[in-house]
Amino acid sequence: MQAKAKKKFRFDISIWVAISAIAVLAMISAVMTLTHFQRQKEQAVELLTEKGATLIRSFEAGLRSQAVKGADIFKVQKLLMETAQQPDIDYIVITDNKGKIIADSDPSMASQQYGLDLDTGKIALSKDTKWRQATNPEGAGTFEVYRGFFPQERNNERQIAPSNPKSNNMIIYVGFNMAMIEKAGKEDTRNTIIIALILLLIGSSAIVSLFLAQAYRTARTSLSRITAFSEALVKNMPIGLIALDESGNIATCNEKADAILNISCSNAEGKQMDSIMPAPLQRIFTELSARDGLVEEDLQIISGQKESKTLEIVAAGLTDNGISTGKIMLLRDVTALRQLESEVAKSRHLTSIASLAAGVAHEIRNPLSSIKGFAVYFRERFSGNIEDQQTADTMIAEVERLNRVISQLIEFARPLELKPEKTYFPDLIQHTLSLIAAEAKKNHVTITTDTAFDLPLTEVDPDKVKQVLLNIFLNSLTAMKNGGNLAIKLVTQKDKLVTIISDTGTGIEKMDLPRIYDPYFTSKPAGTGLGLAVVQKIMEAHGGTINMESDLSQGTTVSLQFPLTPADKKDI
């Protein structure tokens, strides 16, 4: 059983999630701090209230055996003053139920009114301990605990009022100084806020760290993808790339540059350019400045096979804040492209000339017809004069030769319109040979044919092919003025029908072979130079090719290759 591939868990955090988490953490810290302050206040109130109640009960216990009257007031006053000496007690006051001070830790306050803002009559009858915060003139706040004062009754927690309400008419007030408590509270508050801030900072740092870790992981993943994409792009791009670092060493070199320059890019990285690259490329890199922008030019270099190549170069310097960080060059082999452009330009030039020549030829044809007519007229008129007849015959022959030249010129200039039909090539060759039989006999040329068995019917334009064969046959006869052999062979090769025509004539010089298809190029004194140009045009119109091989004084071999269609092959 195949183990299931574990899916990699990814937890992505956006910046808004991080901000929201920090905000929630801040709110929680604030709520916890406020709760702590509230609980601290409640504890302080509870502590001071309990302390005040205990102090009041101790007073009641100390005075329980005595009646607080007359001379006894002095004892109570003394007890209050001694008790008030404690640092956390501001004052102790005993009043009647009307608010008149009976005894006070400050003797000067005797007989004055106190607590008139309270319901003193009701408080004097209750054993419920109550508290309030009062303002201390000395600056610190005062926490005051008060209730009815019952020094003559035994304390009983279940008793919430005196047995004889009328017998009690006193209230005791105990004021605690809150300076120390407030100071401790402030310190505790400061510490609590510091702790809350520290916790908030730690939590925020954790969230930010998590966010930064996520951002780092995302950036690293993106960088890895971009790096892989860049490496694949550089490796497989259809043009060569060479990059140098700031020290002039080769930083990278792709496979296309390897193929163009015939260098080993795997061994070139990290090396100086002068040990690897051709001199013309070194010159461009050396002269290149980061501030000069792009450099575009064509270079001629000699490759490892001693072959000349034309390279299209685009180079530029790389900078970072004005500091050079390297150089880069793109190169492309445009040898075939430049040759094609040259051929296209030449073809356009020849087309223009051909069009002009065709126009001129058309204008010449009509006067030639008139000249020929006059020549025939004078030959008949001066039929008794042999010399005049020969002159007229010469005029007629030259006019016919000019007409043939003009016909070839027009044929070469006008677009070909083929009329293909199923044709049996051996019959086409025999018919063409019959046209040159008389001249071949005159030149003592022997003609032989070799035809393969079961040749297919081929879809060609018979008239145009006859023109091709006739032109080649006539060229061969011209090259064999003193006799020779003309051999024609018909074979099939894969998807082609091949006609091979060989002669034993004078041949063609090697320096002339590349130009034999150029219009008006000829080595014959009376040639027009259009015959092979027309032949090549007809072959290209059929989708075929013509190939000529010749050795001076050894003869010439012409190969005509016509494509066979699937329909042609069925006829085999």
Protein backbone atom coordinates (compact mmCIF):
# COMPACT_ATOMS: atom_id res chain seq x y z
CA MET A 1 0.00 0.00 0.00
CA GLN A 2 1.44 3.26 -1.05
CA ALA A 3 1.92 5.80 1.68
CA LYS A 4 -0.08 8.93 1.19
CA ALA A 5 2.02 11.96 0.50
CA LYS A 6 1.89 14.34 3.42
CA LYS A 7 0.52 17.69 2.53
CA LYS A 8 2.74 20.48 3.73
CA PHE A 9 0.89 22.65 6.24
CA ARG A 10 1.04 26.34 5.61
CA PHE A 11 -0.24 29.02 7.95
CA ASP A 12 -0.26 32.41 6.29
CA ILE A 13 -0.59 35.54 8.39
CA SER A 14 -1.58 38.84 6.86
CA ILE A 15 -0.54 42.18 8.34
CA TRP A 16 -4.17 42.93 9.30
CA VAL A 17 -4.37 39.69 11.28
CA ALA A 18 -1.18 40.69 13.12
CA ILE A 19 -2.53 44.19 13.86
CA SER A 20 -5.87 42.76 15.05
CA ALA A 21 -4.08 40.27 17.32
CA ILE A 22 -1.96 43.05 18.85
CA ALA A 23 -5.09 45.19 19.39
CA VAL A 24 -6.91 42.31 21.11
CA LEU A 25 -3.84 41.66 23.24
CA ALA A 26 -3.74 45.34 24.24
CA MET A 27 -7.44 45.26 25.20
CA ILE A 28 -6.93 42.11 27.28
CA SER A 29 -3.94 43.72 29.03
CA ALA A 30 -6.00 46.87 29.75
CA VAL A 31 -8.95 44.86 31.13
CA MET A 32 -6.63 42.76 33.31
CA THR A 33 -4.96 45.91 34.63
CA LEU A 34 -8.29 47.60 35.43
CA THR A 35 -9.55 44.42 37.09
CA HIS A 36 -6.41 44.29 39.20
CA PHE A 37 -6.88 47.93 40.24
CA GLN A 38 -10.51 47.25 41.22
CA ARG A 39 -9.59 44.15 43.19
CA GLN A 40 -6.74 46.05 44.89
CA LYS A 41 -9.15 48.82 45.89
CA GLU A 42 -11.69 46.33 47.25
CA GLN A 43 -8.97 44.59 49.27
CA ALA A 44 -7.78 47.93 50.70
CA VAL A 45 -11.34 48.90 51.67
CA GLU A 46 -11.93 45.51 53.26
CA LEU A 47 -8.65 45.65 55.16
CA LEU A 48 -9.17 49.17 56.49
CA THR A 49 -12.81 48.51 57.34
CA GLU A 50 -11.86 45.39 59.30
CA LYS A 51 -9.02 47.26 61.00
CA GLY A 52 -11.37 50.09 61.97
CA ALA A 53 -14.02 47.65 63.28
CA THR A 54 -11.37 45.85 65.35
CA LEU A 55 -10.13 49.13 66.79
CA ILE A 56 -13.67 50.17 67.67
CA ARG A 57 -14.33 46.84 69.38
CA SER A 58 -11.12 47.25 71.37
CA PHE A 59 -12.33 50.66 72.58
CA GLU A 60 -15.65 49.18 73.57
CA ALA A 61 -13.95 46.36 75.43
CA GLY A 62 -11.66 48.77 77.28
CA LEU A 63 -14.52 51.01 78.38
CA ARG A 64 -17.15 48.35 78.96
CA SER A 65 -16.80 48.42 82.75
CA GLN A 66 -17.07 52.20 82.93
CA ALA A 67 -19.70 54.75 82.08
CA VAL A 68 -18.58 57.45 79.73
CA LYS A 69 -19.79 60.40 81.77
CA GLY A 70 -18.35 63.46 83.46
CA ALA A 71 -14.85 62.80 84.75
CA ASP A 72 -14.64 59.60 82.70
CA ILE A 73 -14.49 61.69 79.52
CA PHE A 74 -10.95 62.61 80.47
CA LYS A 75 -9.95 58.92 80.44
CA VAL A 76 -11.60 58.39 77.04
CA GLN A 77 -9.88 61.49 75.68
CA LYS A 78 -6.54 60.24 76.91
CA LEU A 79 -7.15 56.80 75.40
CA LEU A 80 -8.07 58.37 72.08
CA MET A 81 -4.96 60.53 72.05
CA GLU A 82 -2.69 57.60 72.86
CA THR A 83 -4.28 55.41 70.21
CA ALA A 84 -4.10 58.19 67.60
CA GLN A 85 -0.33 58.26 68.05
CA GLN A 86 -0.13 55.30 65.69
CA PRO A 87 1.29 56.49 62.33
CA ASP A 88 -1.61 55.25 60.23
CA ILE A 89 -4.36 56.87 62.36
CA ASP A 90 -5.28 60.47 61.64
CA TYR A 91 -7.95 60.87 64.30
CA ILE A 92 -10.53 59.16 66.52
CA VAL A 93 -13.73 61.05 67.28
CA ILE A 94 -16.68 60.16 69.53
CA THR A 95 -19.87 62.18 69.15
CA ASP A 96 -23.36 61.99 70.46
CA ASN A 97 -26.30 61.26 68.24
CA LYS A 98 -26.58 64.98 67.46
CA GLY A 99 -23.07 65.21 66.04
CA LYS A 100 -21.52 66.97 69.04
CA ILE A 101 -18.00 65.83 69.76
CA ILE A 102 -17.75 64.14 73.17
CA ALA A 103 -14.11 63.06 72.86
CA ASP A 104 -11.48 63.61 70.17
CA SER A 105 -7.87 62.62 69.70
CA ASP A 106 -7.41 66.34 69.16
CA PRO A 107 -8.68 67.93 72.42
CA SER A 108 -9.21 71.27 70.72
CA MET A 109 -12.09 69.77 68.76
CA ALA A 110 -14.18 69.01 71.86
CA SER A 111 -17.78 70.30 71.90
CA GLN A 112 -17.64 71.01 68.14
CA GLN A 113 -19.95 69.47 65.58
CA TYR A 114 -18.88 66.52 63.37
CA GLY A 115 -20.62 64.27 60.87
CA LEU A 116 -23.57 66.54 60.31
CA ASP A 117 -23.68 65.37 56.68
CA LEU A 118 -24.67 61.92 57.96
CA ASP A 119 -27.81 60.57 59.59
CA THR A 120 -26.21 60.55 63.04
CA GLY A 121 -29.36 59.47 64.86
CA LYS A 122 -29.71 56.28 62.85
CA ILE A 123 -25.96 55.54 62.82
CA ALA A 124 -25.82 55.82 66.67
CA LEU A 125 -28.29 52.93 66.96
CA SER A 126 -26.54 50.60 64.48
CA LYS A 127 -23.59 48.26 64.94
CA ASP A 128 -23.07 48.06 61.17
CA THR A 129 -19.58 49.28 60.32
CA LYS A 130 -19.57 51.81 57.54
CA TRP A 131 -16.82 53.72 55.76
CA ARG A 132 -16.22 56.74 53.68
CA GLN A 133 -13.26 58.64 52.21
CA ALA A 134 -12.65 62.14 53.51
CA THR A 135 -10.25 64.84 52.56
CA ASN A 136 -7.28 65.37 54.83
CA PRO A 137 -6.14 68.99 55.01
CA GLU A 138 -2.55 67.79 55.24
CA GLY A 139 -2.71 66.36 51.74
CA ALA A 140 -3.19 62.60 51.99
CA GLY A 141 -6.64 61.10 51.84
CA THR A 142 -8.39 59.74 54.97
CA PHE A 143 -10.31 56.50 55.15
CA GLU A 144 -12.95 56.91 57.84
CA VAL A 145 -14.67 53.99 59.54
CA TYR A 146 -17.67 54.72 61.78
CA ARG A 147 -20.62 53.10 63.57
CA GLY A 148 -22.57 53.34 66.80
CA PHE A 149 -20.39 53.21 69.90
CA PHE A 150 -21.55 50.75 72.66
CA PRO A 151 -18.93 50.60 75.43
CA GLN A 152 -21.43 49.35 78.09
CA GLU A 153 -22.74 46.35 76.13
CA ARG A 154 -21.00 43.02 75.57
CA ASN A 155 -20.18 42.46 71.94
CA ASN A 156 -22.36 39.89 70.21
CA GLU A 157 -21.93 39.31 66.48
CA ARG A 158 -25.58 38.25 66.16
CA GLN A 159 -26.76 41.50 67.73
CA ILE A 160 -27.27 44.16 65.13
CA ALA A 161 -28.72 46.83 67.54
CA PRO A 162 -28.45 47.58 71.25
CA SER A 163 -30.92 45.94 73.66
CA ASN A 164 -32.00 49.34 74.82
CA PRO A 165 -31.76 51.75 71.91
CA LYS A 166 -32.47 54.73 74.07
CA SER A 167 -29.48 53.96 76.24
CA ASN A 168 -27.04 54.60 73.37
CA ASN A 169 -26.45 57.98 71.89
CA MET A 170 -22.79 57.88 70.70
CA ILE A 171 -20.99 57.43 67.40
CA ILE A 172 -17.29 56.65 66.98
CA TYR A 173 -15.26 57.75 63.94
CA VAL A 174 -11.81 56.33 63.18
CA GLY A 175 -9.83 58.08 60.45
CA PHE A 176 -6.93 56.17 58.88
CA ASN A 177 -4.19 58.02 57.04
CA MET A 178 -4.01 56.69 53.46
CA ALA A 179 -0.60 58.18 52.62
CA MET A 180 1.24 54.85 52.93
CA ILE A 181 -1.58 52.98 51.28
CA GLU A 182 -1.76 55.48 48.45
CA LYS A 183 2.02 55.30 48.04
CA ALA A 184 1.94 51.53 48.02
CA GLY A 185 -1.01 51.66 45.66
CA LYS A 186 0.82 53.95 43.31
CA GLU A 187 3.86 51.67 43.32
CA ASP A 188 1.66 48.65 42.81
CA THR A 189 -0.18 50.47 40.02
CA ARG A 190 3.12 51.40 38.39
CA ASN A 191 4.38 47.85 38.70
CA THR A 192 1.12 46.49 37.33
CA ILE A 193 1.24 48.86 34.36
CA ILE A 194 4.89 47.96 33.75
CA ILE A 195 4.08 44.25 33.87
CA ALA A 196 1.09 44.78 31.56
CA LEU A 197 3.26 46.75 29.14
CA ILE A 198 5.96 44.09 29.28
CA LEU A 199 3.39 41.38 28.61
CA LEU A 200 1.93 43.47 25.79
CA LEU A 201 5.41 44.04 24.37
CA ILE A 202 6.27 40.36 24.60
CA GLY A 203 2.98 39.34 23.03
CA SER A 204 3.30 41.96 20.31
CA SER A 205 6.88 40.91 19.68
CA ALA A 206 5.78 37.31 19.38
CA ILE A 207 3.06 38.22 16.90
CA VAL A 208 5.36 40.52 14.94
CA SER A 209 8.05 37.83 14.96
CA LEU A 210 5.53 35.33 13.69
CA PHE A 211 4.49 37.77 10.98
CA LEU A 212 8.12 38.49 10.05
CA ALA A 213 8.87 34.77 9.97
CA GLN A 214 5.90 34.27 7.66
CA ALA A 215 7.03 37.20 5.48
CA TYR A 216 10.57 35.81 5.41
CA ARG A 217 9.31 32.36 4.43
CA THR A 218 7.11 33.83 1.71
CA ALA A 219 9.93 36.02 0.42
CA ARG A 220 12.32 33.07 0.48
CA THR A 221 9.84 30.90 -1.41
CA SER A 222 9.23 33.66 -3.96
CA LEU A 223 12.97 34.22 -4.30
CA SER A 224 13.52 30.48 -4.86
CA ARG A 225 10.84 30.43 -7.54
CA ILE A 226 12.22 33.55 -9.22
CA THR A 227 15.74 32.13 -9.07
CA ALA A 228 14.62 28.83 -10.60
CA PHE A 229 12.63 30.66 -13.27
CA SER A 230 15.55 32.98 -14.05
CA GLU A 231 18.00 30.09 -14.30
CA ALA A 232 15.65 28.15 -16.60
CA LEU A 233 15.02 31.27 -18.69
CA VAL A 234 18.73 32.06 -19.07
CA LYS A 235 19.55 28.43 -19.84
CA ASN A 236 16.86 27.93 -22.48
CA MET A 237 16.59 31.39 -24.03
CA PRO A 238 17.09 31.32 -27.84
CA ILE A 239 19.88 33.90 -27.77
CA GLY A 240 23.30 33.78 -26.14
CA LEU A 241 23.91 35.54 -22.84
CA ILE A 242 27.22 36.39 -21.16
CA ALA A 243 27.43 38.37 -17.91
CA LEU A 244 30.53 39.73 -16.15
CA ASP A 245 30.83 40.69 -12.50
CA GLU A 246 32.39 43.93 -11.26
CA SER A 247 35.86 42.35 -11.42
CA GLY A 248 35.54 41.42 -15.09
CA ASN A 249 35.15 37.70 -14.43
CA ILE A 250 32.50 35.69 -16.26
CA ALA A 251 29.52 35.40 -13.89
CA THR A 252 27.19 33.39 -16.12
CA CYS A 253 27.06 32.02 -19.64
CA ASN A 254 24.17 30.07 -21.16
CA GLU A 255 24.14 27.10 -23.53
CA LYS A 256 23.26 29.20 -26.59
CA ALA A 257 26.38 31.35 -26.09
CA ASP A 258 28.33 28.10 -25.71
CA ALA A 259 27.03 26.91 -29.10
CA ILE A 260 27.62 30.23 -30.87
CA LEU A 261 31.14 30.84 -29.58
CA ASN A 262 32.21 27.19 -29.25
CA ILE A 263 33.30 27.65 -25.64
CA SER A 264 32.59 25.61 -22.52
CA CYS A 265 30.37 27.75 -20.30
CA SER A 266 30.54 25.26 -17.43
CA ASN A 267 34.31 25.87 -17.24
CA ALA A 268 34.15 29.58 -18.07
CA GLU A 269 32.36 30.88 -14.98
CA GLY A 270 34.71 32.68 -12.60
CA LYS A 271 37.45 33.10 -15.21
CA GLN A 272 38.70 36.25 -16.89
CA MET A 273 37.03 37.02 -20.22
CA ASP A 274 40.33 37.33 -22.14
CA SER A 275 41.00 33.62 -21.62
CA ILE A 276 37.65 32.51 -23.02
CA MET A 277 36.01 34.99 -25.42
CA PRO A 278 37.05 36.11 -28.91
CA ALA A 279 38.92 39.39 -29.20
CA PRO A 280 36.02 41.39 -30.79
CA LEU A 281 33.77 40.59 -27.81
CA GLN A 282 36.54 41.49 -25.37
CA ARG A 283 36.86 44.85 -27.12
CA ILE A 284 33.16 45.60 -26.67
CA PHE A 285 33.26 44.67 -22.97
CA THR A 286 36.41 46.72 -22.43
CA GLU A 287 35.03 49.83 -24.13
CA LEU A 288 31.61 49.47 -22.54
CA SER A 289 30.76 51.99 -19.84
CA ALA A 290 27.82 51.73 -17.48
CA ARG A 291 26.76 55.27 -18.38
CA ASP A 292 26.83 54.80 -22.15
CA GLY A 293 23.56 52.86 -22.33
CA LEU A 294 23.12 50.07 -24.86
CA VAL A 295 25.69 49.10 -27.47
CA GLU A 296 24.25 47.46 -30.59
CA GLU A 297 26.34 46.30 -33.54
CA ASP A 298 27.13 43.40 -35.86
CA LEU A 299 30.45 41.59 -35.51
CA GLN A 300 32.32 39.25 -37.81
CA ILE A 301 34.15 36.53 -35.88
CA ILE A 302 35.93 33.30 -36.72
CA SER A 303 34.45 30.31 -34.89
CA GLY A 304 36.30 27.24 -33.71
CA GLN A 305 35.82 25.61 -37.13
CA LYS A 306 37.50 28.58 -38.85
CA GLU A 307 34.12 29.62 -40.23
CA SER A 308 33.15 33.26 -40.40
CA LYS A 309 30.02 34.17 -38.46
CA THR A 310 28.03 37.35 -38.23
CA LEU A 311 26.87 38.05 -34.66
CA GLU A 312 24.31 40.63 -33.61
CA ILE A 313 25.51 42.09 -30.29
CA VAL A 314 23.56 43.99 -27.64
CA ALA A 315 25.60 44.93 -24.55
CA ALA A 316 25.06 47.18 -21.53
CA GLY A 317 26.63 48.00 -18.17
CA LEU A 318 24.86 47.24 -14.87
CA THR A 319 24.84 49.81 -12.06
CA ASP A 320 23.50 50.12 -8.53
CA ASN A 321 23.21 53.72 -7.30
CA GLY A 322 25.84 54.80 -9.79
CA ILE A 323 28.27 51.99 -8.84
CA SER A 324 29.15 49.46 -11.54
CA THR A 325 28.06 45.92 -10.62
CA GLY A 326 28.89 44.16 -13.88
CA LYS A 327 28.22 43.99 -17.60
CA ILE A 328 25.88 41.90 -19.74
CA MET A 329 25.87 40.94 -23.41
CA LEU A 330 23.25 39.29 -25.61
CA LEU A 331 24.42 37.75 -28.87
CA ARG A 332 22.69 36.04 -31.77
CA ASP A 333 24.06 34.29 -34.84
CA VAL A 334 22.56 36.21 -37.77
CA THR A 335 24.84 34.83 -40.50
CA ALA A 336 21.99 33.17 -42.41
CA LEU A 337 19.70 36.14 -41.78
CA ARG A 338 22.19 38.65 -43.16
CA GLN A 339 22.81 36.43 -46.20
CA LEU A 340 19.08 36.18 -46.73
CA GLU A 341 18.70 39.96 -46.43
CA SER A 342 21.49 40.38 -49.00
CA GLU A 343 19.81 37.92 -51.32
CA VAL A 344 16.45 39.63 -50.87
CA ALA A 345 17.99 43.00 -51.67
CA LYS A 346 19.70 41.49 -54.71
CA SER A 347 16.46 39.81 -55.76
CA ARG A 348 14.59 43.11 -55.47
CA HIS A 349 17.27 44.78 -57.55
CA LEU A 350 17.08 42.08 -60.20
CA THR A 351 13.29 42.18 -60.17
CA SER A 352 13.36 45.92 -60.79
CA ILE A 353 15.82 45.46 -63.63
CA ALA A 354 13.76 42.60 -65.08
CA SER A 355 10.58 44.66 -64.94
CA LEU A 356 12.34 47.53 -66.67
CA ALA A 357 13.83 45.19 -69.26
CA ALA A 358 10.46 43.58 -69.93
CA GLY A 359 8.94 46.98 -70.55
CA VAL A 360 11.75 47.92 -72.89
CA ALA A 361 11.52 44.55 -74.67
CA HIS A 362 7.81 45.02 -75.27
CA GLU A 363 8.47 48.38 -76.87
CA ILE A 364 11.25 46.92 -79.07
CA ARG A 365 9.18 44.02 -80.36
CA ASN A 366 6.94 46.08 -82.63
CA PRO A 367 9.79 47.86 -84.50
CA LEU A 368 11.52 44.46 -84.91
CA SER A 369 8.45 43.07 -86.63
CA SER A 370 8.56 45.98 -89.08
CA ILE A 371 12.29 45.49 -89.70
CA LYS A 372 11.77 41.78 -90.34
CA GLY A 373 8.98 42.57 -92.78
CA PHE A 374 11.17 45.00 -94.73
CA ALA A 375 14.03 42.45 -94.74
CA VAL A 376 11.72 39.80 -96.27
CA TYR A 377 10.50 42.34 -98.79
CA PHE A 378 14.03 43.30 -99.89
CA ARG A 379 15.08 39.63 -100.11
CA GLU A 380 12.23 38.92 -102.54
CA ARG A 381 12.76 42.12 -104.48
CA PHE A 382 16.49 41.57 -104.96
CA SER A 383 16.19 37.81 -105.45
CA GLY A 384 18.46 37.98 -108.47
CA ASN A 385 21.29 39.57 -106.49
CA ILE A 386 22.96 36.95 -104.30
CA GLU A 387 24.83 39.50 -102.18
CA ASP A 388 21.62 41.43 -101.42
CA GLN A 389 19.79 38.21 -100.61
CA GLN A 390 22.48 37.21 -98.11
CA THR A 391 22.26 40.64 -96.52
CA ALA A 392 18.48 40.29 -96.21
CA ASP A 393 18.83 36.76 -94.74
CA THR A 394 21.31 38.07 -92.19
CA MET A 395 18.88 40.82 -91.21
CA ILE A 396 16.04 38.29 -90.84
CA ALA A 397 18.23 35.94 -88.70
CA GLU A 398 19.34 38.74 -86.37
CA VAL A 399 15.76 39.96 -85.98
CA GLU A 400 14.66 36.42 -85.05
CA ARG A 401 17.54 36.17 -82.58
CA LEU A 402 16.45 39.47 -81.02
CA ASN A 403 12.89 38.17 -80.82
CA ARG A 404 14.10 35.07 -78.99
CA VAL A 405 16.03 37.22 -76.53
CA ILE A 406 13.00 39.40 -75.95
CA SER A 407 10.77 36.32 -75.49
CA GLN A 408 13.18 34.94 -72.86
CA LEU A 409 13.34 38.31 -71.18
CA ILE A 410 9.56 38.57 -70.96
CA GLU A 411 9.36 34.96 -69.78
CA PHE A 412 11.86 35.70 -67.03
CA ALA A 413 10.15 38.93 -65.91
CA ARG A 414 6.51 37.84 -65.86
CA PRO A 415 5.05 35.66 -63.06
CA LEU A 416 4.83 32.00 -63.96
CA GLU A 417 1.39 30.48 -64.37
CA LEU A 418 1.70 26.70 -64.34
CA LYS A 419 -0.83 24.42 -65.97
CA PRO A 420 0.02 21.10 -64.31
CA GLU A 421 -1.22 17.79 -65.63
CA LYS A 422 -0.31 14.13 -65.28
CA THR A 423 2.72 13.59 -67.49
CA TYR A 424 4.83 10.55 -68.35
CA PHE A 425 8.39 11.87 -68.24
CA PRO A 426 9.99 9.48 -70.76
CA ASP A 427 7.57 10.67 -73.45
CA LEU A 428 8.31 14.30 -72.53
CA ILE A 429 12.06 13.68 -72.90
CA GLN A 430 11.69 11.85 -76.21
CA HIS A 431 9.58 14.66 -77.61
CA THR A 432 12.18 17.25 -76.56
CA LEU A 433 15.05 15.16 -77.95
CA SER A 434 13.29 15.04 -81.30
CA LEU A 435 13.54 18.83 -81.46
CA ILE A 436 17.36 18.74 -81.22
CA ALA A 437 17.95 15.55 -83.21
CA ALA A 438 19.02 17.38 -86.37
CA GLU A 439 21.51 19.62 -84.56
CA ALA A 440 22.85 16.68 -82.54
CA LYS A 441 23.47 14.77 -85.77
CA LYS A 442 25.14 17.81 -87.27
CA ASN A 443 27.52 18.08 -84.25
CA HIS A 444 28.12 14.31 -84.21
CA VAL A 445 26.63 13.97 -80.73
CA THR A 446 25.42 10.56 -79.56
CA ILE A 447 22.29 10.58 -77.37
CA THR A 448 21.56 7.76 -74.90
CA THR A 449 18.66 7.41 -72.45
CA ASP A 450 18.32 5.22 -69.35
CA THR A 451 14.82 5.05 -67.93
CA ALA A 452 13.91 3.23 -64.73
CA PHE A 453 11.14 0.66 -64.79
CA ASP A 454 7.59 1.65 -63.84
CA LEU A 455 8.12 5.39 -63.50
CA PRO A 456 5.04 7.17 -62.08
CA LEU A 457 3.04 9.85 -63.80
CA THR A 458 4.18 13.23 -62.52
CA GLU A 459 2.01 16.32 -62.17
CA VAL A 460 3.95 19.08 -63.99
CA ASP A 461 3.42 21.72 -66.66
CA PRO A 462 4.60 19.86 -69.82
CA ASP A 463 5.32 22.99 -71.84
CA LYS A 464 7.43 24.57 -69.09
CA VAL A 465 9.35 21.34 -68.47
CA LYS A 466 10.01 21.03 -72.22
CA GLN A 467 11.43 24.55 -72.09
CA VAL A 468 13.74 23.47 -69.21
CA LEU A 469 14.91 20.31 -71.00
CA LEU A 470 15.35 22.06 -74.33
CA ASN A 471 17.48 24.80 -72.79
CA ILE A 472 19.76 22.29 -71.06
CA PHE A 473 19.99 20.07 -74.17
CA LEU A 474 20.92 23.04 -76.34
CA ASN A 475 23.59 24.16 -73.83
CA SER A 476 25.06 20.64 -73.94
CA LEU A 477 25.10 20.61 -77.77
CA THR A 478 26.77 24.02 -77.77
CA ALA A 479 29.48 22.65 -75.45
CA MET A 480 30.06 19.65 -77.83
CA LYS A 481 30.79 21.35 -81.19
CA ASN A 482 33.27 18.60 -82.09
CA GLY A 483 31.09 15.69 -81.05
CA GLY A 484 30.49 13.87 -77.79
CA ASN A 485 27.91 11.99 -75.78
CA LEU A 486 24.67 13.26 -74.22
CA ALA A 487 23.25 10.87 -71.60
CA ILE A 488 19.81 11.20 -69.97
CA LYS A 489 18.88 9.08 -66.96
CA LEU A 490 15.49 8.92 -65.20
CA VAL A 491 15.23 7.50 -61.63
CA THR A 492 13.07 7.86 -58.52
CA GLN A 493 14.63 8.72 -55.15
CA LYS A 494 12.25 8.54 -52.19
CA ASP A 495 9.68 11.25 -52.91
CA LYS A 496 11.42 12.74 -55.97
CA LEU A 497 11.68 12.06 -59.68
CA VAL A 498 15.25 12.81 -60.77
CA THR A 499 16.40 13.56 -64.30
CA ILE A 500 20.18 13.43 -64.72
CA ILE A 501 21.60 14.99 -67.94
CA SER A 502 25.33 14.52 -68.60
CA ASP A 503 27.48 15.69 -71.47
CA THR A 504 31.15 15.38 -72.41
CA GLY A 505 31.53 19.00 -73.49
CA THR A 506 33.95 21.73 -72.55
CA GLY A 507 32.50 22.22 -69.06
CA ILE A 508 32.26 25.37 -66.96
CA GLU A 509 35.00 27.10 -65.03
CA LYS A 510 34.66 26.83 -61.23
CA MET A 511 34.71 30.60 -60.82
CA ASP A 512 31.66 30.86 -63.10
CA LEU A 513 29.55 28.14 -61.41
CA PRO A 514 28.12 30.38 -58.63
CA ARG A 515 26.88 32.88 -61.26
CA ILE A 516 25.35 30.63 -63.90
CA TYR A 517 21.78 31.41 -62.72
CA ASP A 518 22.29 35.18 -62.71
CA PRO A 519 20.36 36.98 -65.46
CA TYR A 520 22.51 38.13 -68.39
CA PHE A 521 25.54 36.18 -67.25
CA THR A 522 26.88 34.04 -70.06
CA SER A 523 30.19 32.67 -71.34
CA LYS A 524 28.87 32.24 -74.88
CA PRO A 525 29.70 34.92 -77.44
CA ALA A 526 26.13 34.89 -78.76
CA GLY A 527 24.34 33.90 -75.53
CA THR A 528 21.67 35.95 -73.78
CA GLY A 529 22.37 34.86 -70.20
CA LEU A 530 18.67 34.26 -69.50
CA GLY A 531 18.34 30.57 -70.29
CA LEU A 532 19.40 29.08 -66.92
CA ALA A 533 17.76 31.92 -65.02
CA VAL A 534 14.44 30.93 -66.64
CA VAL A 535 15.17 27.25 -65.98
CA GLN A 536 15.75 27.89 -62.27
CA LYS A 537 12.56 29.94 -62.06
CA ILE A 538 10.50 27.13 -63.64
CA MET A 539 12.03 24.52 -61.30
CA GLU A 540 11.28 26.63 -58.22
CA ALA A 541 7.70 27.14 -59.44
CA HIS A 542 7.32 23.32 -59.53
CA GLY A 543 8.79 23.02 -56.03
CA GLY A 544 11.82 21.29 -57.49
CA THR A 545 15.55 21.98 -57.54
CA ILE A 546 18.33 22.12 -60.10
CA ASN A 547 21.89 21.16 -59.32
CA MET A 548 24.81 21.54 -61.72
CA GLU A 549 28.31 20.02 -61.44
CA SER A 550 31.00 20.68 -64.03
CA ASP A 551 34.71 20.18 -64.62
CA LEU A 552 36.52 22.16 -67.24
CA SER A 553 37.23 19.96 -70.33
CA GLN A 554 35.47 17.02 -68.59
CA GLY A 555 31.82 17.85 -69.14
CA THR A 556 28.76 18.91 -67.15
CA THR A 557 26.10 17.02 -65.18
CA VAL A 558 22.72 18.59 -64.48
CA SER A 559 20.31 17.08 -61.94
CA LEU A 560 16.62 18.07 -62.09
CA GLN A 561 14.56 16.97 -59.08
CA PHE A 562 10.76 17.10 -59.25
CA PRO A 563 8.73 16.33 -56.10
CA LEU A 564 6.30 13.42 -56.16
CA THR A 565 2.94 13.91 -54.52
CA PRO A 566 1.16 11.04 -52.72
CA ALA A 567 -1.16 10.82 -55.73
CA ASP A 568 1.89 10.43 -58.01
CA LYS A 569 3.24 7.57 -55.87
CA LYS A 570 0.00 5.60 -56.29
CA ASP A 571 0.76 5.42 -60.01
CA ILE A 572 4.02 3.52 -59.42
